[in-house]
Amino acid sequence: MKTSVLAALLLAAAALPAIAQSGPTMQEQMACRSDASKFCAEHVGKPPQMNACLRENKTKLSDGCRKVVESRGG
């Protein structure tokens, strides 16, 4: 019994950071799709690097993508 409770607590604790740092929504992805391929193609499939690249290129981004980047702290 104690083992199953401990396992459940560990799983819940591991899921919290994933929820807090959830990935972009489909709408956000669509807003940045062309900008991402134009400025950051080498980072496709690497979310942390893609986010950094989009932040670095924020002044060049479309209005929609710039709003997504800013809403995510960039």
C-alpha atoms as a PDB file:
ATOM      1  CA  MET A   1       0.000   0.000   0.000  1.00  0.00           C
ATOM      2  CA  LYS A   2       2.725   2.474   1.000  1.00  0.00           C
ATOM      3  CA  THR A   3       4.670   1.684  -2.166  1.00  0.00           C
ATOM      4  CA  SER A   4       1.714   2.434  -4.434  1.00  0.00           C
ATOM      5  CA  VAL A   5       1.007   5.722  -2.627  1.00  0.00           C
ATOM      6  CA  LEU A   6       4.657   6.718  -2.921  1.00  0.00           C
ATOM      7  CA  ALA A   7       4.676   5.802  -6.611  1.00  0.00           C
ATOM      8  CA  ALA A   8       1.551   7.894  -7.228  1.00  0.00           C
ATOM      9  CA  LEU A   9       3.075  10.886  -5.434  1.00  0.00           C
ATOM     10  CA  LEU A  10       6.280  10.605  -7.458  1.00  0.00           C
ATOM     11  CA  LEU A  11       4.333  10.446 -10.717  1.00  0.00           C
ATOM     12  CA  ALA A  12       2.247  13.472  -9.755  1.00  0.00           C
ATOM     13  CA  ALA A  13       5.344  15.451  -8.778  1.00  0.00           C
ATOM     14  CA  ALA A  14       7.023  14.583 -12.080  1.00  0.00           C
ATOM     15  CA  ALA A  15       3.977  15.741 -14.045  1.00  0.00           C
ATOM     16  CA  LEU A  16       3.746  19.187 -12.442  1.00  0.00           C
ATOM     17  CA  PRO A  17       6.727  20.748 -14.243  1.00  0.00           C
ATOM     18  CA  ALA A  18       5.445  19.368 -17.541  1.00  0.00           C
ATOM     19  CA  ILE A  19       2.092  21.044 -16.991  1.00  0.00           C
ATOM     20  CA  ALA A  20       3.681  24.342 -15.936  1.00  0.00           C
ATOM     21  CA  GLN A  21       5.943  24.350 -18.992  1.00  0.00           C
ATOM     22  CA  SER A  22       3.474  23.045 -21.513  1.00  0.00           C
ATOM     23  CA  GLY A  23       4.406  23.270 -25.146  1.00  0.00           C
ATOM     24  CA  PRO A  24       2.828  25.623 -27.631  1.00  0.00           C
ATOM     25  CA  THR A  25      -0.781  25.137 -28.622  1.00  0.00           C
ATOM     26  CA  MET A  26      -1.660  24.231 -32.202  1.00  0.00           C
ATOM     27  CA  GLN A  27      -2.773  27.836 -32.745  1.00  0.00           C
ATOM     28  CA  GLU A  28       0.593  29.138 -31.470  1.00  0.00           C
ATOM     29  CA  GLN A  29       2.455  26.663 -33.657  1.00  0.00           C
ATOM     30  CA  MET A  30       0.513  27.791 -36.709  1.00  0.00           C
ATOM     31  CA  ALA A  31       1.197  31.453 -35.911  1.00  0.00           C
ATOM     32  CA  CYS A  32       4.949  30.771 -35.893  1.00  0.00           C
ATOM     33  CA  ARG A  33       5.236  28.016 -38.468  1.00  0.00           C
ATOM     34  CA  SER A  34       6.529  30.138 -41.351  1.00  0.00           C
ATOM     35  CA  ASP A  35       8.776  32.258 -39.111  1.00  0.00           C
ATOM     36  CA  ALA A  36      10.241  29.143 -37.512  1.00  0.00           C
ATOM     37  CA  SER A  37      11.075  27.615 -40.887  1.00  0.00           C
ATOM     38  CA  LYS A  38      12.429  30.920 -42.183  1.00  0.00           C
ATOM     39  CA  PHE A  39      14.667  31.903 -39.250  1.00  0.00           C
ATOM     40  CA  CYS A  40      15.151  28.765 -37.140  1.00  0.00           C
ATOM     41  CA  ALA A  41      14.867  25.709 -39.407  1.00  0.00           C
ATOM     42  CA  GLU A  42      17.940  24.085 -37.866  1.00  0.00           C
ATOM     43  CA  HIS A  43      16.128  23.902 -34.520  1.00  0.00           C
ATOM     44  CA  VAL A  44      13.014  21.976 -35.638  1.00  0.00           C
ATOM     45  CA  GLY A  45      12.342  19.213 -33.107  1.00  0.00           C
ATOM     46  CA  LYS A  46      14.404  20.971 -30.420  1.00  0.00           C
ATOM     47  CA  PRO A  47      11.923  23.089 -28.436  1.00  0.00           C
ATOM     48  CA  PRO A  48      14.387  24.901 -26.126  1.00  0.00           C
ATOM     49  CA  GLN A  49      16.623  25.891 -29.028  1.00  0.00           C
ATOM     50  CA  MET A  50      13.634  26.857 -31.193  1.00  0.00           C
ATOM     51  CA  ASN A  51      12.257  29.087 -28.430  1.00  0.00           C
ATOM     52  CA  ALA A  52      15.640  30.767 -27.989  1.00  0.00           C
ATOM     53  CA  CYS A  53      15.992  31.290 -31.733  1.00  0.00           C
ATOM     54  CA  LEU A  54      12.530  32.833 -32.034  1.00  0.00           C
ATOM     55  CA  ARG A  55      13.309  35.170 -29.109  1.00  0.00           C
ATOM     56  CA  GLU A  56      16.584  36.176 -30.758  1.00  0.00           C
ATOM     57  CA  ASN A  57      14.759  36.956 -34.004  1.00  0.00           C
ATOM     58  CA  LYS A  58      11.743  38.620 -32.386  1.00  0.00           C
ATOM     59  CA  THR A  59      12.107  41.879 -34.321  1.00  0.00           C
ATOM     60  CA  LYS A  60      11.930  39.958 -37.620  1.00  0.00           C
ATOM     61  CA  LEU A  61       8.878  37.848 -36.730  1.00  0.00           C
ATOM     62  CA  SER A  62       5.354  38.293 -38.028  1.00  0.00           C
ATOM     63  CA  ASP A  63       2.977  40.081 -35.670  1.00  0.00           C
ATOM     64  CA  GLY A  64       1.184  36.857 -34.719  1.00  0.00           C
ATOM     65  CA  CYS A  65       4.358  34.970 -33.908  1.00  0.00           C
ATOM     66  CA  ARG A  66       5.842  37.934 -32.046  1.00  0.00           C
ATOM     67  CA  LYS A  67       2.756  37.974 -29.820  1.00  0.00           C
ATOM     68  CA  VAL A  68       3.187  34.247 -29.114  1.00  0.00           C
ATOM     69  CA  VAL A  69       6.858  34.707 -28.230  1.00  0.00           C
ATOM     70  CA  GLU A  70       6.062  37.659 -25.953  1.00  0.00           C
ATOM     71  CA  SER A  71       3.224  35.777 -24.250  1.00  0.00           C
ATOM     72  CA  ARG A  72       5.703  33.024 -23.424  1.00  0.00           C
ATOM     73  CA  GLY A  73       8.195  35.370 -21.816  1.00  0.00           C
ATOM     74  CA  GLY A  74      10.269  36.309 -24.857  1.00  0.00           C
END
